[in-house]
Amino acid sequence: MAPLVEDISGLVLKRAEQIDPGSVTLDGQHLNTLLALDGKKTLAQVARQLRMDMLTLRQAVSRLIQLKLVVRVNPRVNYLPESFMTSLKAGLANGVGPIAGVLLDDVLADMKLRVDSITQESAPELIRSLAREIPDDSVRVEFIRAMLSKLA
């Protein structure tokens, strides 16, 4: 399996069929991660379950892949419509002004996302990251509320 360079939030992994328990030593974090990968939950859901940020999960999963302890499951991925991104950018512009497009591009790049591949699972983290850029507390809270309601 190739290294994890893309957005991993919508990725689904499961434990490999053949694991020789005596051949690998794992620390608690890697073991908990391995046990949480059931072939049904996305990595975003696993991160929430384990209370782990996506960067830490990416590192743990990369190690499990390297050890050939997990395999990718190919579920059908539903990307959010273009209208969501239009609303997201408009809401952000309300809070930060005309620099919204630049901020959006920067956050997408930091999260290794593309405008056309935002999933239901990765959207909340994107919304929270963008909200941090809004200086006014009341505008920030309204932005988060409005964007999360569009996901429901």
N, C-alpha and C. Protein backbone atom coordinates (compact mmCIF):
# COMPACT_ATOMS: atom_id res chain seq x y z
N MET A 1 0.86 -1.18 0.00
CA MET A 1 0.00 0.00 0.00
C MET A 1 0.90 1.24 0.00
N ALA A 2 0.54 2.23 -0.78
CA ALA A 2 1.33 3.46 -0.91
C ALA A 2 1.29 4.26 0.40
N PRO A 3 2.32 5.10 0.63
CA PRO A 3 2.31 5.95 1.82
C PRO A 3 1.08 6.86 1.83
N LEU A 4 0.70 7.29 3.02
CA LEU A 4 -0.49 8.12 3.19
C LEU A 4 -0.15 9.59 2.97
N VAL A 5 -0.33 10.08 1.76
CA VAL A 5 -0.05 11.48 1.47
C VAL A 5 -1.33 12.26 1.22
N GLU A 6 -2.45 11.58 1.01
CA GLU A 6 -3.72 12.23 0.72
C GLU A 6 -4.52 12.45 2.01
N ASP A 7 -5.68 13.05 1.87
CA ASP A 7 -6.60 13.20 2.99
C ASP A 7 -6.99 11.80 3.43
N ILE A 8 -6.76 11.47 4.68
CA ILE A 8 -7.04 10.12 5.16
C ILE A 8 -8.36 10.03 5.93
N SER A 9 -9.05 11.14 6.12
CA SER A 9 -10.22 11.13 6.99
C SER A 9 -11.33 10.19 6.50
N GLY A 10 -11.47 10.02 5.20
CA GLY A 10 -12.51 9.14 4.67
C GLY A 10 -12.04 7.72 4.41
N LEU A 11 -10.78 7.45 4.69
CA LEU A 11 -10.20 6.14 4.44
C LEU A 11 -10.73 5.12 5.44
N VAL A 12 -10.96 3.90 4.97
CA VAL A 12 -11.41 2.81 5.85
C VAL A 12 -10.36 1.71 5.76
N LEU A 13 -9.89 1.27 6.91
CA LEU A 13 -8.90 0.20 6.99
C LEU A 13 -9.41 -0.92 7.88
N LYS A 14 -8.88 -2.11 7.66
CA LYS A 14 -9.19 -3.24 8.54
C LYS A 14 -7.91 -4.00 8.81
N ARG A 15 -7.95 -4.82 9.86
CA ARG A 15 -6.79 -5.63 10.20
C ARG A 15 -6.54 -6.65 9.09
N ALA A 16 -5.28 -6.92 8.83
CA ALA A 16 -4.92 -7.92 7.83
C ALA A 16 -5.39 -9.30 8.30
N GLU A 17 -5.70 -10.15 7.33
CA GLU A 17 -6.21 -11.49 7.66
C GLU A 17 -5.17 -12.32 8.42
N GLN A 18 -3.94 -12.29 7.95
CA GLN A 18 -2.88 -13.11 8.54
C GLN A 18 -1.92 -12.24 9.34
N ILE A 19 -2.04 -12.30 10.65
CA ILE A 19 -1.11 -11.56 11.51
C ILE A 19 -0.48 -12.57 12.45
N ASP A 20 0.85 -12.62 12.44
CA ASP A 20 1.57 -13.48 13.36
C ASP A 20 1.87 -12.67 14.61
N PRO A 21 1.13 -12.92 15.70
CA PRO A 21 1.25 -12.08 16.88
C PRO A 21 2.66 -12.04 17.49
N GLY A 22 3.47 -13.06 17.25
CA GLY A 22 4.81 -13.08 17.82
C GLY A 22 5.83 -12.32 17.01
N SER A 23 5.46 -11.90 15.81
CA SER A 23 6.44 -11.28 14.93
C SER A 23 6.52 -9.76 15.05
N VAL A 24 5.59 -9.15 15.79
CA VAL A 24 5.53 -7.69 15.87
C VAL A 24 5.30 -7.27 17.32
N THR A 25 5.97 -6.20 17.71
CA THR A 25 5.75 -5.60 19.02
C THR A 25 5.16 -4.21 18.80
N LEU A 26 4.03 -3.94 19.45
CA LEU A 26 3.36 -2.64 19.31
C LEU A 26 3.22 -1.98 20.66
N ASP A 27 3.34 -0.64 20.67
CA ASP A 27 3.06 0.09 21.90
C ASP A 27 1.54 0.24 22.04
N GLY A 28 1.11 0.80 23.14
CA GLY A 28 -0.33 0.92 23.41
C GLY A 28 -1.08 1.71 22.36
N GLN A 29 -0.49 2.81 21.90
CA GLN A 29 -1.15 3.64 20.89
C GLN A 29 -1.38 2.88 19.60
N HIS A 30 -0.35 2.18 19.14
CA HIS A 30 -0.48 1.42 17.90
C HIS A 30 -1.45 0.25 18.06
N LEU A 31 -1.42 -0.40 19.22
CA LEU A 31 -2.33 -1.51 19.47
C LEU A 31 -3.78 -1.02 19.52
N ASN A 32 -4.03 0.07 20.22
CA ASN A 32 -5.39 0.63 20.26
C ASN A 32 -5.87 1.02 18.86
N THR A 33 -4.97 1.61 18.08
CA THR A 33 -5.33 1.98 16.71
C THR A 33 -5.66 0.74 15.90
N LEU A 34 -4.83 -0.28 15.99
CA LEU A 34 -5.07 -1.52 15.25
C LEU A 34 -6.41 -2.13 15.64
N LEU A 35 -6.72 -2.15 16.92
CA LEU A 35 -7.99 -2.73 17.38
C LEU A 35 -9.20 -1.92 16.92
N ALA A 36 -9.03 -0.62 16.73
CA ALA A 36 -10.15 0.24 16.31
C ALA A 36 -10.44 0.13 14.82
N LEU A 37 -9.50 -0.38 14.04
CA LEU A 37 -9.67 -0.47 12.58
C LEU A 37 -10.47 -1.72 12.26
N ASP A 38 -11.77 -1.53 12.07
CA ASP A 38 -12.69 -2.66 11.90
C ASP A 38 -13.19 -2.85 10.48
N GLY A 39 -12.72 -2.03 9.54
CA GLY A 39 -13.19 -2.16 8.17
C GLY A 39 -14.52 -1.49 7.91
N LYS A 40 -15.06 -0.82 8.92
CA LYS A 40 -16.36 -0.14 8.78
C LYS A 40 -16.25 1.36 9.03
N LYS A 41 -15.48 1.73 10.05
CA LYS A 41 -15.36 3.15 10.40
C LYS A 41 -14.29 3.83 9.55
N THR A 42 -14.56 5.09 9.22
CA THR A 42 -13.54 5.89 8.53
C THR A 42 -12.47 6.26 9.55
N LEU A 43 -11.34 6.72 9.06
CA LEU A 43 -10.29 7.14 9.99
C LEU A 43 -10.70 8.37 10.79
N ALA A 44 -11.57 9.21 10.24
CA ALA A 44 -12.10 10.34 11.02
C ALA A 44 -12.89 9.82 12.21
N GLN A 45 -13.69 8.79 12.01
CA GLN A 45 -14.46 8.21 13.10
C GLN A 45 -13.54 7.52 14.11
N VAL A 46 -12.51 6.85 13.62
CA VAL A 46 -11.54 6.20 14.51
C VAL A 46 -10.81 7.26 15.35
N ALA A 47 -10.44 8.37 14.73
CA ALA A 47 -9.76 9.44 15.46
C ALA A 47 -10.64 9.96 16.60
N ARG A 48 -11.93 10.16 16.30
CA ARG A 48 -12.84 10.62 17.36
C ARG A 48 -12.97 9.57 18.46
N GLN A 49 -13.10 8.30 18.07
CA GLN A 49 -13.24 7.22 19.04
C GLN A 49 -12.02 7.15 19.96
N LEU A 50 -10.84 7.30 19.39
CA LEU A 50 -9.60 7.20 20.15
C LEU A 50 -9.18 8.53 20.77
N ARG A 51 -9.94 9.59 20.47
CA ARG A 51 -9.59 10.95 20.92
C ARG A 51 -8.16 11.29 20.50
N MET A 52 -7.91 11.11 19.20
CA MET A 52 -6.59 11.29 18.63
C MET A 52 -6.69 12.29 17.48
N ASP A 53 -5.73 13.20 17.36
CA ASP A 53 -5.76 14.12 16.23
C ASP A 53 -5.34 13.37 14.97
N MET A 54 -5.69 13.93 13.82
CA MET A 54 -5.46 13.24 12.55
C MET A 54 -3.97 13.05 12.24
N LEU A 55 -3.12 13.97 12.66
CA LEU A 55 -1.68 13.83 12.41
C LEU A 55 -1.13 12.62 13.18
N THR A 56 -1.50 12.49 14.43
CA THR A 56 -1.05 11.35 15.24
C THR A 56 -1.59 10.05 14.67
N LEU A 57 -2.87 10.07 14.27
CA LEU A 57 -3.46 8.86 13.68
C LEU A 57 -2.76 8.51 12.37
N ARG A 58 -2.45 9.51 11.56
CA ARG A 58 -1.75 9.28 10.28
C ARG A 58 -0.42 8.55 10.56
N GLN A 59 0.31 9.00 11.57
CA GLN A 59 1.60 8.39 11.89
C GLN A 59 1.41 6.95 12.37
N ALA A 60 0.42 6.73 13.21
CA ALA A 60 0.16 5.37 13.72
C ALA A 60 -0.26 4.44 12.60
N VAL A 61 -1.17 4.90 11.75
CA VAL A 61 -1.66 4.07 10.65
C VAL A 61 -0.54 3.81 9.64
N SER A 62 0.29 4.80 9.38
CA SER A 62 1.42 4.60 8.47
C SER A 62 2.32 3.48 8.97
N ARG A 63 2.56 3.46 10.27
CA ARG A 63 3.39 2.39 10.85
C ARG A 63 2.70 1.03 10.71
N LEU A 64 1.40 0.97 10.95
CA LEU A 64 0.67 -0.29 10.82
C LEU A 64 0.67 -0.78 9.37
N ILE A 65 0.59 0.16 8.43
CA ILE A 65 0.65 -0.20 7.02
C ILE A 65 2.05 -0.75 6.69
N GLN A 66 3.07 -0.06 7.18
CA GLN A 66 4.45 -0.48 6.95
C GLN A 66 4.68 -1.90 7.47
N LEU A 67 4.06 -2.23 8.60
CA LEU A 67 4.19 -3.56 9.19
C LEU A 67 3.25 -4.59 8.55
N LYS A 68 2.46 -4.12 7.57
CA LYS A 68 1.49 -4.98 6.86
C LYS A 68 0.46 -5.59 7.81
N LEU A 69 0.06 -4.79 8.81
CA LEU A 69 -0.95 -5.25 9.77
C LEU A 69 -2.35 -4.80 9.39
N VAL A 70 -2.47 -3.84 8.45
CA VAL A 70 -3.79 -3.36 8.03
C VAL A 70 -3.84 -3.29 6.51
N VAL A 71 -5.06 -3.39 6.01
CA VAL A 71 -5.31 -3.26 4.57
C VAL A 71 -6.45 -2.29 4.35
N ARG A 72 -6.44 -1.69 3.19
CA ARG A 72 -7.44 -0.69 2.82
C ARG A 72 -8.74 -1.38 2.39
N VAL A 73 -9.85 -0.81 2.82
CA VAL A 73 -11.18 -1.22 2.37
C VAL A 73 -11.65 -0.11 1.44
N ASN A 74 -12.26 -0.46 0.33
CA ASN A 74 -12.66 0.55 -0.64
C ASN A 74 -14.16 0.82 -0.60
N PRO A 75 -14.61 1.61 0.38
CA PRO A 75 -16.02 1.96 0.42
C PRO A 75 -16.33 3.05 -0.61
N ARG A 76 -17.59 3.23 -0.88
CA ARG A 76 -18.01 4.32 -1.76
C ARG A 76 -17.91 5.62 -0.96
N VAL A 77 -17.19 6.58 -1.48
CA VAL A 77 -16.98 7.85 -0.79
C VAL A 77 -17.91 8.90 -1.38
N ASN A 78 -18.62 9.59 -0.51
CA ASN A 78 -19.50 10.68 -0.95
C ASN A 78 -18.85 12.01 -0.64
N TYR A 79 -18.58 12.76 -1.70
CA TYR A 79 -17.98 14.08 -1.54
C TYR A 79 -19.08 15.11 -1.42
N LEU A 80 -18.78 16.17 -0.68
CA LEU A 80 -19.76 17.24 -0.50
C LEU A 80 -19.91 18.02 -1.80
N PRO A 81 -21.12 18.52 -2.06
CA PRO A 81 -21.36 19.24 -3.32
C PRO A 81 -20.64 20.59 -3.35
N GLU A 82 -20.48 21.10 -4.55
CA GLU A 82 -19.83 22.40 -4.75
C GLU A 82 -20.54 23.50 -3.98
N SER A 83 -21.87 23.36 -3.83
CA SER A 83 -22.65 24.37 -3.11
C SER A 83 -22.18 24.51 -1.65
N PHE A 84 -21.70 23.40 -1.05
CA PHE A 84 -21.18 23.48 0.31
C PHE A 84 -19.95 24.37 0.35
N MET A 85 -19.04 24.17 -0.61
CA MET A 85 -17.82 24.98 -0.65
C MET A 85 -18.14 26.45 -0.90
N THR A 86 -19.15 26.71 -1.72
CA THR A 86 -19.58 28.09 -1.97
C THR A 86 -20.07 28.73 -0.69
N SER A 87 -20.90 28.00 0.06
CA SER A 87 -21.40 28.50 1.35
C SER A 87 -20.28 28.67 2.36
N LEU A 88 -19.34 27.74 2.37
CA LEU A 88 -18.22 27.79 3.29
C LEU A 88 -17.39 29.05 3.04
N LYS A 89 -17.09 29.30 1.78
CA LYS A 89 -16.28 30.47 1.43
C LYS A 89 -17.03 31.77 1.74
N ALA A 90 -18.33 31.79 1.46
CA ALA A 90 -19.14 32.99 1.74
C ALA A 90 -19.21 33.25 3.25
N GLY A 91 -19.41 32.19 4.03
CA GLY A 91 -19.46 32.34 5.48
C GLY A 91 -18.13 32.81 6.04
N LEU A 92 -17.05 32.27 5.50
CA LEU A 92 -15.72 32.68 5.94
C LEU A 92 -15.46 34.14 5.57
N ALA A 93 -15.88 34.54 4.37
CA ALA A 93 -15.71 35.93 3.93
C ALA A 93 -16.46 36.89 4.84
N ASN A 94 -17.58 36.45 5.37
CA ASN A 94 -18.34 37.27 6.31
C ASN A 94 -17.52 37.55 7.57
N GLY A 95 -16.66 36.61 7.93
CA GLY A 95 -15.87 36.76 9.15
C GLY A 95 -14.50 37.36 8.96
N VAL A 96 -13.90 37.19 7.75
CA VAL A 96 -12.53 37.66 7.57
C VAL A 96 -12.36 38.59 6.38
N GLY A 97 -13.42 38.74 5.59
CA GLY A 97 -13.34 39.65 4.44
C GLY A 97 -12.79 38.98 3.19
N PRO A 98 -12.23 39.78 2.28
CA PRO A 98 -11.83 39.27 0.97
C PRO A 98 -10.66 38.29 0.97
N ILE A 99 -10.02 38.12 2.11
CA ILE A 99 -8.90 37.17 2.18
C ILE A 99 -9.40 35.73 2.36
N ALA A 100 -10.71 35.54 2.42
CA ALA A 100 -11.30 34.22 2.67
C ALA A 100 -10.80 33.16 1.70
N GLY A 101 -10.71 33.48 0.42
CA GLY A 101 -10.26 32.51 -0.57
C GLY A 101 -8.84 32.03 -0.31
N VAL A 102 -7.98 32.96 0.07
CA VAL A 102 -6.59 32.61 0.36
C VAL A 102 -6.51 31.73 1.60
N LEU A 103 -7.26 32.10 2.64
CA LEU A 103 -7.29 31.30 3.87
C LEU A 103 -7.80 29.89 3.59
N LEU A 104 -8.87 29.81 2.80
CA LEU A 104 -9.44 28.52 2.45
C LEU A 104 -8.40 27.65 1.73
N ASP A 105 -7.72 28.23 0.76
CA ASP A 105 -6.68 27.49 0.03
C ASP A 105 -5.57 27.01 0.96
N ASP A 106 -5.16 27.88 1.88
CA ASP A 106 -4.08 27.52 2.81
C ASP A 106 -4.50 26.37 3.74
N VAL A 107 -5.71 26.46 4.28
CA VAL A 107 -6.17 25.41 5.20
C VAL A 107 -6.36 24.09 4.44
N LEU A 108 -6.90 24.16 3.23
CA LEU A 108 -7.04 22.94 2.43
C LEU A 108 -5.67 22.31 2.17
N ALA A 109 -4.69 23.12 1.85
CA ALA A 109 -3.34 22.60 1.60
C ALA A 109 -2.75 21.98 2.87
N ASP A 110 -2.94 22.66 4.01
CA ASP A 110 -2.44 22.13 5.29
C ASP A 110 -3.07 20.78 5.62
N MET A 111 -4.35 20.63 5.27
CA MET A 111 -5.07 19.38 5.57
C MET A 111 -4.91 18.35 4.45
N LYS A 112 -4.19 18.71 3.40
CA LYS A 112 -3.99 17.84 2.24
C LYS A 112 -5.33 17.46 1.59
N LEU A 113 -6.20 18.48 1.48
CA LEU A 113 -7.51 18.31 0.85
C LEU A 113 -7.56 19.09 -0.44
N ARG A 114 -8.46 18.69 -1.31
CA ARG A 114 -8.75 19.44 -2.54
C ARG A 114 -10.20 19.90 -2.45
N VAL A 115 -10.50 21.00 -3.12
CA VAL A 115 -11.85 21.56 -3.10
C VAL A 115 -12.88 20.53 -3.56
N ASP A 116 -12.53 19.68 -4.50
CA ASP A 116 -13.48 18.72 -5.05
C ASP A 116 -13.51 17.39 -4.32
N SER A 117 -12.81 17.29 -3.19
CA SER A 117 -12.77 16.00 -2.49
C SER A 117 -12.97 16.15 -0.98
N ILE A 118 -13.85 17.06 -0.58
CA ILE A 118 -14.17 17.22 0.83
C ILE A 118 -15.26 16.21 1.17
N THR A 119 -14.99 15.37 2.15
CA THR A 119 -15.97 14.37 2.55
C THR A 119 -16.76 14.85 3.77
N GLN A 120 -17.85 14.18 4.04
CA GLN A 120 -18.66 14.46 5.23
C GLN A 120 -17.78 14.32 6.48
N GLU A 121 -16.86 13.38 6.45
CA GLU A 121 -16.01 13.13 7.61
C GLU A 121 -14.95 14.21 7.81
N SER A 122 -14.41 14.76 6.71
CA SER A 122 -13.34 15.75 6.85
C SER A 122 -13.87 17.17 7.02
N ALA A 123 -15.13 17.41 6.70
CA ALA A 123 -15.70 18.76 6.75
C ALA A 123 -15.67 19.39 8.15
N PRO A 124 -16.04 18.69 9.23
CA PRO A 124 -16.00 19.35 10.55
C PRO A 124 -14.62 19.87 10.93
N GLU A 125 -13.59 19.09 10.64
CA GLU A 125 -12.23 19.56 10.95
C GLU A 125 -11.88 20.78 10.10
N LEU A 126 -12.30 20.78 8.84
CA LEU A 126 -12.07 21.92 7.96
C LEU A 126 -12.78 23.16 8.51
N ILE A 127 -14.02 23.00 8.92
CA ILE A 127 -14.81 24.11 9.48
C ILE A 127 -14.12 24.67 10.73
N ARG A 128 -13.69 23.78 11.62
CA ARG A 128 -13.02 24.24 12.85
C ARG A 128 -11.71 24.97 12.53
N SER A 129 -10.96 24.46 11.58
CA SER A 129 -9.69 25.10 11.21
C SER A 129 -9.93 26.49 10.63
N LEU A 130 -10.93 26.61 9.77
CA LEU A 130 -11.25 27.91 9.19
C LEU A 130 -11.80 28.87 10.25
N ALA A 131 -12.59 28.35 11.17
CA ALA A 131 -13.19 29.19 12.21
C ALA A 131 -12.12 29.86 13.07
N ARG A 132 -10.99 29.19 13.26
CA ARG A 132 -9.90 29.77 14.06
C ARG A 132 -9.38 31.08 13.46
N GLU A 133 -9.64 31.28 12.18
CA GLU A 133 -9.17 32.49 11.48
C GLU A 133 -10.12 33.68 11.67
N ILE A 134 -11.30 33.44 12.21
CA ILE A 134 -12.31 34.50 12.38
C ILE A 134 -12.09 35.16 13.75
N PRO A 135 -11.73 36.44 13.77
CA PRO A 135 -11.38 37.09 15.03
C PRO A 135 -12.56 37.37 15.97
N ASP A 136 -13.73 37.64 15.42
CA ASP A 136 -14.89 37.98 16.24
C ASP A 136 -15.56 36.70 16.75
N ASP A 137 -15.68 36.59 18.08
CA ASP A 137 -16.24 35.36 18.68
C ASP A 137 -17.65 35.05 18.20
N SER A 138 -18.51 36.04 18.16
CA SER A 138 -19.90 35.77 17.79
C SER A 138 -20.01 35.36 16.32
N VAL A 139 -19.21 35.97 15.46
CA VAL A 139 -19.20 35.61 14.04
C VAL A 139 -18.63 34.20 13.87
N ARG A 140 -17.60 33.88 14.65
CA ARG A 140 -16.99 32.55 14.60
C ARG A 140 -18.00 31.48 14.99
N VAL A 141 -18.71 31.70 16.09
CA VAL A 141 -19.70 30.73 16.55
C VAL A 141 -20.82 30.56 15.52
N GLU A 142 -21.27 31.63 14.95
CA GLU A 142 -22.32 31.56 13.92
C GLU A 142 -21.83 30.83 12.68
N PHE A 143 -20.59 31.07 12.28
CA PHE A 143 -20.00 30.38 11.13
C PHE A 143 -20.00 28.86 11.37
N ILE A 144 -19.52 28.46 12.54
CA ILE A 144 -19.48 27.02 12.87
C ILE A 144 -20.88 26.44 12.87
N ARG A 145 -21.82 27.12 13.53
CA ARG A 145 -23.19 26.61 13.59
C ARG A 145 -23.80 26.46 12.20
N ALA A 146 -23.64 27.49 11.38
CA ALA A 146 -24.24 27.47 10.05
C ALA A 146 -23.62 26.37 9.18
N MET A 147 -22.31 26.23 9.24
CA MET A 147 -21.64 25.24 8.39
C MET A 147 -21.94 23.82 8.85
N LEU A 148 -21.95 23.59 10.16
CA LEU A 148 -22.27 22.24 10.65
C LEU A 148 -23.72 21.87 10.34
N SER A 149 -24.62 22.86 10.34
CA SER A 149 -26.03 22.57 10.02
C SER A 149 -26.18 22.15 8.57
N LYS A 150 -25.30 22.62 7.70
CA LYS A 150 -25.34 22.21 6.28
C LYS A 150 -24.89 20.77 6.10
N LEU A 151 -24.17 20.23 7.07
CA LEU A 151 -23.71 18.85 7.00
C LEU A 151 -24.78 17.87 7.46
N ALA A 152 -25.70 18.34 8.27
CA ALA A 152 -26.72 17.46 8.86
C ALA A 152 -27.73 16.96 7.84
